[in-house]
Amino acid sequence: MSPESREPQKSQSPPGLPALGVLLVDARGRIGEFRGEWCGLWSLRPIGGGIEWTVEPAQVQRATQDQELRARTAYANARSRGERL
């Protein structure tokens, strides 16, 4: 058995689906982590957890580096202040 066959396989998303945890921006400007697909809708949730919401795949785009940095910084700041997230 070759060493390559003993390595754990990475879970791959079906074509067209982002990887779990990728940050996406919906049409309303909300940033959320991709959680999966169900009945043609994508499920997103706020960074760090919270109530998920569903979106049409055509209504989202991947967050830019600036958007991702702002969202993660806002989450870290709120957490450091002890705010309920």
C-alpha atoms as a PDB file:
ATOM      1  CA  MET A   1       0.000   0.000   0.000  1.00  0.00           C
ATOM      2  CA  SER A   2       1.465   3.356  -0.989  1.00  0.00           C
ATOM      3  CA  PRO A   3       1.739   6.225   1.537  1.00  0.00           C
ATOM      4  CA  GLU A   4      -0.714   8.284  -0.516  1.00  0.00           C
ATOM      5  CA  SER A   5      -3.473   5.736  -0.038  1.00  0.00           C
ATOM      6  CA  ARG A   6      -3.059   5.827   3.761  1.00  0.00           C
ATOM      7  CA  GLU A   7      -3.582   9.579   3.998  1.00  0.00           C
ATOM      8  CA  PRO A   8      -7.036  10.656   5.136  1.00  0.00           C
ATOM      9  CA  GLN A   9      -9.075  11.946   2.248  1.00  0.00           C
ATOM     10  CA  LYS A  10     -10.218  15.533   2.410  1.00  0.00           C
ATOM     11  CA  SER A  11     -13.940  15.954   2.149  1.00  0.00           C
ATOM     12  CA  GLN A  12     -14.728  17.687  -1.083  1.00  0.00           C
ATOM     13  CA  SER A  13     -17.838  19.682  -1.821  1.00  0.00           C
ATOM     14  CA  PRO A  14     -19.794  18.806  -4.933  1.00  0.00           C
ATOM     15  CA  PRO A  15     -18.951  20.994  -7.937  1.00  0.00           C
ATOM     16  CA  GLY A  16     -20.375  24.481  -7.571  1.00  0.00           C
ATOM     17  CA  LEU A  17     -20.645  24.380  -3.778  1.00  0.00           C
ATOM     18  CA  PRO A  18     -18.196  26.339  -1.620  1.00  0.00           C
ATOM     19  CA  ALA A  19     -16.294  24.538   1.105  1.00  0.00           C
ATOM     20  CA  LEU A  20     -17.840  24.489   4.577  1.00  0.00           C
ATOM     21  CA  GLY A  21     -16.947  27.606   6.533  1.00  0.00           C
ATOM     22  CA  VAL A  22     -16.236  29.823   3.527  1.00  0.00           C
ATOM     23  CA  LEU A  23     -17.503  33.354   4.141  1.00  0.00           C
ATOM     24  CA  LEU A  24     -20.182  34.565   1.747  1.00  0.00           C
ATOM     25  CA  VAL A  25     -22.052  37.852   1.433  1.00  0.00           C
ATOM     26  CA  ASP A  26     -25.779  37.746   0.679  1.00  0.00           C
ATOM     27  CA  ALA A  27     -27.815  40.314  -1.271  1.00  0.00           C
ATOM     28  CA  ARG A  28     -28.635  42.197   1.963  1.00  0.00           C
ATOM     29  CA  GLY A  29     -24.929  42.552   2.816  1.00  0.00           C
ATOM     30  CA  ARG A  30     -24.921  39.990   5.630  1.00  0.00           C
ATOM     31  CA  ILE A  31     -21.763  37.940   5.925  1.00  0.00           C
ATOM     32  CA  GLY A  32     -22.087  34.318   6.925  1.00  0.00           C
ATOM     33  CA  GLU A  33     -20.248  31.020   6.920  1.00  0.00           C
ATOM     34  CA  PHE A  34     -21.424  28.493   4.356  1.00  0.00           C
ATOM     35  CA  ARG A  35     -22.995  25.534   6.189  1.00  0.00           C
ATOM     36  CA  GLY A  36     -24.432  23.447   3.382  1.00  0.00           C
ATOM     37  CA  GLU A  37     -27.090  23.044   0.713  1.00  0.00           C
ATOM     38  CA  TRP A  38     -30.657  21.824   1.064  1.00  0.00           C
ATOM     39  CA  CYS A  39     -33.338  21.741  -1.633  1.00  0.00           C
ATOM     40  CA  GLY A  40     -31.399  24.145  -3.826  1.00  0.00           C
ATOM     41  CA  LEU A  41     -30.868  26.746  -1.084  1.00  0.00           C
ATOM     42  CA  TRP A  42     -27.618  27.483   0.688  1.00  0.00           C
ATOM     43  CA  SER A  43     -27.481  27.761   4.453  1.00  0.00           C
ATOM     44  CA  LEU A  44     -25.353  30.486   6.064  1.00  0.00           C
ATOM     45  CA  ARG A  45     -24.785  31.349   9.699  1.00  0.00           C
ATOM     46  CA  PRO A  46     -23.061  34.241  11.465  1.00  0.00           C
ATOM     47  CA  ILE A  47     -19.387  33.925  12.298  1.00  0.00           C
ATOM     48  CA  GLY A  48     -19.018  32.133  15.601  1.00  0.00           C
ATOM     49  CA  GLY A  49     -22.484  30.580  15.473  1.00  0.00           C
ATOM     50  CA  GLY A  50     -26.028  31.751  15.679  1.00  0.00           C
ATOM     51  CA  ILE A  51     -29.250  31.347  13.772  1.00  0.00           C
ATOM     52  CA  GLU A  52     -28.779  30.126  10.230  1.00  0.00           C
ATOM     53  CA  TRP A  53     -30.563  31.598   7.250  1.00  0.00           C
ATOM     54  CA  THR A  54     -31.053  30.339   3.721  1.00  0.00           C
ATOM     55  CA  VAL A  55     -30.243  32.109   0.482  1.00  0.00           C
ATOM     56  CA  GLU A  56     -30.532  31.477  -3.221  1.00  0.00           C
ATOM     57  CA  PRO A  57     -27.085  30.565  -4.600  1.00  0.00           C
ATOM     58  CA  ALA A  58     -27.422  33.303  -7.247  1.00  0.00           C
ATOM     59  CA  GLN A  59     -27.873  35.911  -4.486  1.00  0.00           C
ATOM     60  CA  VAL A  60     -24.500  35.394  -2.772  1.00  0.00           C
ATOM     61  CA  GLN A  61     -20.893  35.993  -3.559  1.00  0.00           C
ATOM     62  CA  ARG A  62     -17.690  35.118  -1.823  1.00  0.00           C
ATOM     63  CA  ALA A  63     -16.558  37.710   0.720  1.00  0.00           C
ATOM     64  CA  THR A  64     -13.571  39.790  -0.319  1.00  0.00           C
ATOM     65  CA  GLN A  65     -10.468  39.759   1.847  1.00  0.00           C
ATOM     66  CA  ASP A  66     -11.459  43.160   3.270  1.00  0.00           C
ATOM     67  CA  GLN A  67     -14.991  41.993   4.098  1.00  0.00           C
ATOM     68  CA  GLU A  68     -13.662  38.827   5.695  1.00  0.00           C
ATOM     69  CA  LEU A  69     -11.114  40.727   7.780  1.00  0.00           C
ATOM     70  CA  ARG A  70     -13.741  43.240   8.965  1.00  0.00           C
ATOM     71  CA  ALA A  71     -16.220  40.506   9.888  1.00  0.00           C
ATOM     72  CA  ARG A  72     -13.678  38.417  11.783  1.00  0.00           C
ATOM     73  CA  THR A  73     -12.299  41.505  13.573  1.00  0.00           C
ATOM     74  CA  ALA A  74     -15.796  42.641  14.587  1.00  0.00           C
ATOM     75  CA  TYR A  75     -16.487  39.165  15.979  1.00  0.00           C
ATOM     76  CA  ALA A  76     -13.183  39.089  17.893  1.00  0.00           C
ATOM     77  CA  ASN A  77     -13.781  42.579  19.326  1.00  0.00           C
ATOM     78  CA  ALA A  78     -17.316  41.744  20.455  1.00  0.00           C
ATOM     79  CA  ARG A  79     -16.091  38.543  22.033  1.00  0.00           C
ATOM     80  CA  SER A  80     -13.276  40.354  23.884  1.00  0.00           C
ATOM     81  CA  ARG A  81     -15.810  42.850  25.284  1.00  0.00           C
ATOM     82  CA  GLY A  82     -17.871  39.959  26.601  1.00  0.00           C
ATOM     83  CA  GLU A  83     -20.828  40.729  24.387  1.00  0.00           C
ATOM     84  CA  ARG A  84     -23.385  38.049  23.857  1.00  0.00           C
ATOM     85  CA  LEU A  85     -22.901  36.697  20.365  1.00  0.00           C
END
